[in-house]
Amino acid sequence: MSEHSSKLNPAVVLFGHGARDPEWARPMQRIREVLLQGDAAPRVELAFLEFMTPTLPQAIATLAAEGIRRIAVVPVFLAQGGHLKRDLPVLIDEARGRHPGCEIVLAQAAGEAEGVIDAMAAYALASARSM
């Protein structure tokens, strides 16, 4: 992928709550690894609300400094709770103000996406059948 096309393609920021235990981020790292497979892989950063780095402002600043102009923030949360309703919109608005040349879009919580719900239901069913 050329440098020019990578700036036109959206980057993805996988945004999680964060935890004191660094192993907590392993599923997000695995999601990142899957996203990076293939020829048309987007630029992918992880970002955290607390306890871990980088923060969302740091991740977006890194991408903007690289010339990325389209950024999709994907909350790796099960549901749209308080952090996603109150804290995240403020962070997104601040990032848009700091990086007016970037289009920053916010996806719904990953756990609310139909495909994710279907995958979790299939997993639960398979778990019940394996007893």
C-alpha atoms as a PDB file:
ATOM      1  CA  MET A   1       0.000   0.000   0.000  1.00  0.00           C
ATOM      2  CA  SER A   2       1.386   3.353  -0.920  1.00  0.00           C
ATOM      3  CA  GLU A   3       1.837   6.097   1.647  1.00  0.00           C
ATOM      4  CA  HIS A   4      -0.769   8.184  -0.167  1.00  0.00           C
ATOM      5  CA  SER A   5      -3.446   5.453  -0.153  1.00  0.00           C
ATOM      6  CA  SER A   6      -2.809   4.651   3.526  1.00  0.00           C
ATOM      7  CA  LYS A   7      -3.688   8.273   4.358  1.00  0.00           C
ATOM      8  CA  LEU A   8      -6.969   7.990   2.430  1.00  0.00           C
ATOM      9  CA  ASN A   9      -7.956   4.650   3.960  1.00  0.00           C
ATOM     10  CA  PRO A  10      -9.451   4.773   7.415  1.00  0.00           C
ATOM     11  CA  ALA A  11      -7.435   3.779  10.420  1.00  0.00           C
ATOM     12  CA  VAL A  12      -9.065   1.875  13.263  1.00  0.00           C
ATOM     13  CA  VAL A  13      -8.675   2.613  16.952  1.00  0.00           C
ATOM     14  CA  LEU A  14      -9.824  -0.254  19.138  1.00  0.00           C
ATOM     15  CA  PHE A  15     -10.900   1.499  22.330  1.00  0.00           C
ATOM     16  CA  GLY A  16     -11.193  -0.368  25.615  1.00  0.00           C
ATOM     17  CA  HIS A  17     -11.663   0.468  29.259  1.00  0.00           C
ATOM     18  CA  GLY A  18      -8.222  -0.675  30.397  1.00  0.00           C
ATOM     19  CA  ALA A  19      -7.151  -2.575  33.499  1.00  0.00           C
ATOM     20  CA  ARG A  20      -4.225  -2.801  35.862  1.00  0.00           C
ATOM     21  CA  ASP A  21      -3.434  -6.313  34.613  1.00  0.00           C
ATOM     22  CA  PRO A  22      -1.739  -6.053  31.196  1.00  0.00           C
ATOM     23  CA  GLU A  23      -3.141  -9.474  30.202  1.00  0.00           C
ATOM     24  CA  TRP A  24      -6.570  -7.851  30.121  1.00  0.00           C
ATOM     25  CA  ALA A  25      -5.671  -6.292  26.741  1.00  0.00           C
ATOM     26  CA  ARG A  26      -4.860  -9.628  25.085  1.00  0.00           C
ATOM     27  CA  PRO A  27      -8.251 -10.027  23.339  1.00  0.00           C
ATOM     28  CA  MET A  28      -7.915  -6.528  21.896  1.00  0.00           C
ATOM     29  CA  GLN A  29      -4.414  -7.385  20.704  1.00  0.00           C
ATOM     30  CA  ARG A  30      -5.810 -10.494  19.029  1.00  0.00           C
ATOM     31  CA  ILE A  31      -8.505  -8.427  17.291  1.00  0.00           C
ATOM     32  CA  ARG A  32      -5.749  -6.078  16.081  1.00  0.00           C
ATOM     33  CA  GLU A  33      -3.744  -9.033  14.741  1.00  0.00           C
ATOM     34  CA  VAL A  34      -6.768 -10.251  12.750  1.00  0.00           C
ATOM     35  CA  LEU A  35      -7.375  -6.756  11.346  1.00  0.00           C
ATOM     36  CA  LEU A  36      -3.759  -6.498  10.210  1.00  0.00           C
ATOM     37  CA  GLN A  37      -3.942  -9.632   8.074  1.00  0.00           C
ATOM     38  CA  GLY A  38      -4.309  -9.203   4.354  1.00  0.00           C
ATOM     39  CA  ASP A  39      -3.136  -6.797   1.704  1.00  0.00           C
ATOM     40  CA  ALA A  40      -5.663  -4.045   2.434  1.00  0.00           C
ATOM     41  CA  ALA A  41      -5.121  -4.028   6.194  1.00  0.00           C
ATOM     42  CA  PRO A  42      -5.940  -0.726   7.863  1.00  0.00           C
ATOM     43  CA  ARG A  43      -3.630   1.043  10.281  1.00  0.00           C
ATOM     44  CA  VAL A  44      -4.757  -0.152  13.734  1.00  0.00           C
ATOM     45  CA  GLU A  45      -4.066   1.309  17.175  1.00  0.00           C
ATOM     46  CA  LEU A  46      -5.254   0.240  20.596  1.00  0.00           C
ATOM     47  CA  ALA A  47      -6.364   2.898  23.081  1.00  0.00           C
ATOM     48  CA  PHE A  48      -7.631   2.825  26.642  1.00  0.00           C
ATOM     49  CA  LEU A  49      -9.792   4.946  28.907  1.00  0.00           C
ATOM     50  CA  GLU A  50      -7.731   4.322  32.036  1.00  0.00           C
ATOM     51  CA  PHE A  51      -4.942   2.285  33.621  1.00  0.00           C
ATOM     52  CA  MET A  52      -3.225   1.525  30.283  1.00  0.00           C
ATOM     53  CA  THR A  53      -1.608   3.434  27.463  1.00  0.00           C
ATOM     54  CA  PRO A  54      -1.964   4.817  24.944  1.00  0.00           C
ATOM     55  CA  THR A  55      -5.012   6.859  25.777  1.00  0.00           C
ATOM     56  CA  LEU A  56      -7.507   7.684  23.037  1.00  0.00           C
ATOM     57  CA  PRO A  57      -6.128  11.234  22.610  1.00  0.00           C
ATOM     58  CA  GLN A  58      -2.597   9.798  22.303  1.00  0.00           C
ATOM     59  CA  ALA A  59      -3.633   7.164  19.728  1.00  0.00           C
ATOM     60  CA  ILE A  60      -5.519   9.686  17.600  1.00  0.00           C
ATOM     61  CA  ALA A  61      -2.628  12.162  17.805  1.00  0.00           C
ATOM     62  CA  THR A  62      -0.236   9.445  16.600  1.00  0.00           C
ATOM     63  CA  LEU A  63      -2.421   8.647  13.612  1.00  0.00           C
ATOM     64  CA  ALA A  64      -2.974  12.324  12.764  1.00  0.00           C
ATOM     65  CA  ALA A  65       0.786  12.963  12.955  1.00  0.00           C
ATOM     66  CA  GLU A  66       1.272  10.161  10.411  1.00  0.00           C
ATOM     67  CA  GLY A  67      -1.087  11.942   8.035  1.00  0.00           C
ATOM     68  CA  ILE A  68      -4.069   9.639   8.535  1.00  0.00           C
ATOM     69  CA  ARG A  69      -7.220  11.615   7.779  1.00  0.00           C
ATOM     70  CA  ARG A  70     -10.006   9.084   8.483  1.00  0.00           C
ATOM     71  CA  ILE A  71     -10.189   7.358  11.871  1.00  0.00           C
ATOM     72  CA  ALA A  72     -12.847   4.935  13.072  1.00  0.00           C
ATOM     73  CA  VAL A  73     -12.982   4.557  16.854  1.00  0.00           C
ATOM     74  CA  VAL A  74     -14.415   1.151  17.734  1.00  0.00           C
ATOM     75  CA  PRO A  75     -15.364   0.674  21.394  1.00  0.00           C
ATOM     76  CA  VAL A  76     -14.495  -2.875  22.410  1.00  0.00           C
ATOM     77  CA  PHE A  77     -17.183  -2.845  25.090  1.00  0.00           C
ATOM     78  CA  LEU A  78     -20.042  -5.271  25.558  1.00  0.00           C
ATOM     79  CA  ALA A  79     -22.665  -2.527  25.820  1.00  0.00           C
ATOM     80  CA  GLN A  80     -23.265   1.217  25.703  1.00  0.00           C
ATOM     81  CA  GLY A  81     -22.734   1.992  29.407  1.00  0.00           C
ATOM     82  CA  GLY A  82     -21.779   5.165  31.239  1.00  0.00           C
ATOM     83  CA  HIS A  83     -18.259   5.454  29.845  1.00  0.00           C
ATOM     84  CA  LEU A  84     -19.532   5.243  26.277  1.00  0.00           C
ATOM     85  CA  LYS A  85     -22.467   7.565  26.915  1.00  0.00           C
ATOM     86  CA  ARG A  86     -20.598  10.241  28.884  1.00  0.00           C
ATOM     87  CA  ASP A  87     -16.806   9.967  28.688  1.00  0.00           C
ATOM     88  CA  LEU A  88     -16.223   8.818  25.122  1.00  0.00           C
ATOM     89  CA  PRO A  89     -18.276  11.526  23.344  1.00  0.00           C
ATOM     90  CA  VAL A  90     -16.262  14.178  25.211  1.00  0.00           C
ATOM     91  CA  LEU A  91     -12.988  12.527  24.158  1.00  0.00           C
ATOM     92  CA  ILE A  92     -14.169  12.308  20.533  1.00  0.00           C
ATOM     93  CA  ASP A  93     -15.279  15.954  20.464  1.00  0.00           C
ATOM     94  CA  GLU A  94     -11.941  17.062  21.946  1.00  0.00           C
ATOM     95  CA  ALA A  95     -10.038  14.976  19.373  1.00  0.00           C
ATOM     96  CA  ARG A  96     -12.075  16.484  16.532  1.00  0.00           C
ATOM     97  CA  GLY A  97     -11.200  19.942  17.862  1.00  0.00           C
ATOM     98  CA  ARG A  98      -7.482  19.124  18.088  1.00  0.00           C
ATOM     99  CA  HIS A  99      -7.364  17.444  14.659  1.00  0.00           C
ATOM    100  CA  PRO A 100      -9.795  19.330  12.397  1.00  0.00           C
ATOM    101  CA  GLY A 101      -8.213  17.782   9.308  1.00  0.00           C
ATOM    102  CA  CYS A 102      -9.280  14.307  10.441  1.00  0.00           C
ATOM    103  CA  GLU A 103     -12.658  12.709  10.052  1.00  0.00           C
ATOM    104  CA  ILE A 104     -13.155  10.838  13.338  1.00  0.00           C
ATOM    105  CA  VAL A 105     -16.170   8.538  13.475  1.00  0.00           C
ATOM    106  CA  LEU A 106     -17.442   6.615  16.467  1.00  0.00           C
ATOM    107  CA  ALA A 107     -18.812   3.103  16.007  1.00  0.00           C
ATOM    108  CA  GLN A 108     -21.340   1.489  18.317  1.00  0.00           C
ATOM    109  CA  ALA A 109     -20.118  -0.741  21.135  1.00  0.00           C
ATOM    110  CA  ALA A 110     -18.788  -3.944  19.582  1.00  0.00           C
ATOM    111  CA  GLY A 111     -20.981  -6.082  21.809  1.00  0.00           C
ATOM    112  CA  GLU A 112     -24.105  -4.455  20.364  1.00  0.00           C
ATOM    113  CA  ALA A 113     -23.280  -5.333  16.745  1.00  0.00           C
ATOM    114  CA  GLU A 114     -25.555  -8.059  15.343  1.00  0.00           C
ATOM    115  CA  GLY A 115     -22.648 -10.208  14.150  1.00  0.00           C
ATOM    116  CA  VAL A 116     -21.020 -10.081  17.577  1.00  0.00           C
ATOM    117  CA  ILE A 117     -24.297 -10.936  19.325  1.00  0.00           C
ATOM    118  CA  ASP A 118     -24.771 -13.857  16.932  1.00  0.00           C
ATOM    119  CA  ALA A 119     -21.208 -15.081  17.580  1.00  0.00           C
ATOM    120  CA  MET A 120     -21.668 -14.857  21.363  1.00  0.00           C
ATOM    121  CA  ALA A 121     -24.990 -16.705  21.174  1.00  0.00           C
ATOM    122  CA  ALA A 122     -23.400 -19.433  19.046  1.00  0.00           C
ATOM    123  CA  TYR A 123     -20.549 -19.699  21.546  1.00  0.00           C
ATOM    124  CA  ALA A 124     -22.988 -19.978  24.468  1.00  0.00           C
ATOM    125  CA  LEU A 125     -24.986 -22.652  22.658  1.00  0.00           C
ATOM    126  CA  ALA A 126     -21.847 -24.622  21.794  1.00  0.00           C
ATOM    127  CA  SER A 127     -20.719 -24.337  25.426  1.00  0.00           C
ATOM    128  CA  ALA A 128     -24.049 -25.715  26.659  1.00  0.00           C
ATOM    129  CA  ARG A 129     -23.950 -28.603  24.190  1.00  0.00           C
ATOM    130  CA  SER A 130     -20.400 -29.568  25.160  1.00  0.00           C
ATOM    131  CA  MET A 131     -21.395 -30.277  28.784  1.00  0.00           C
END
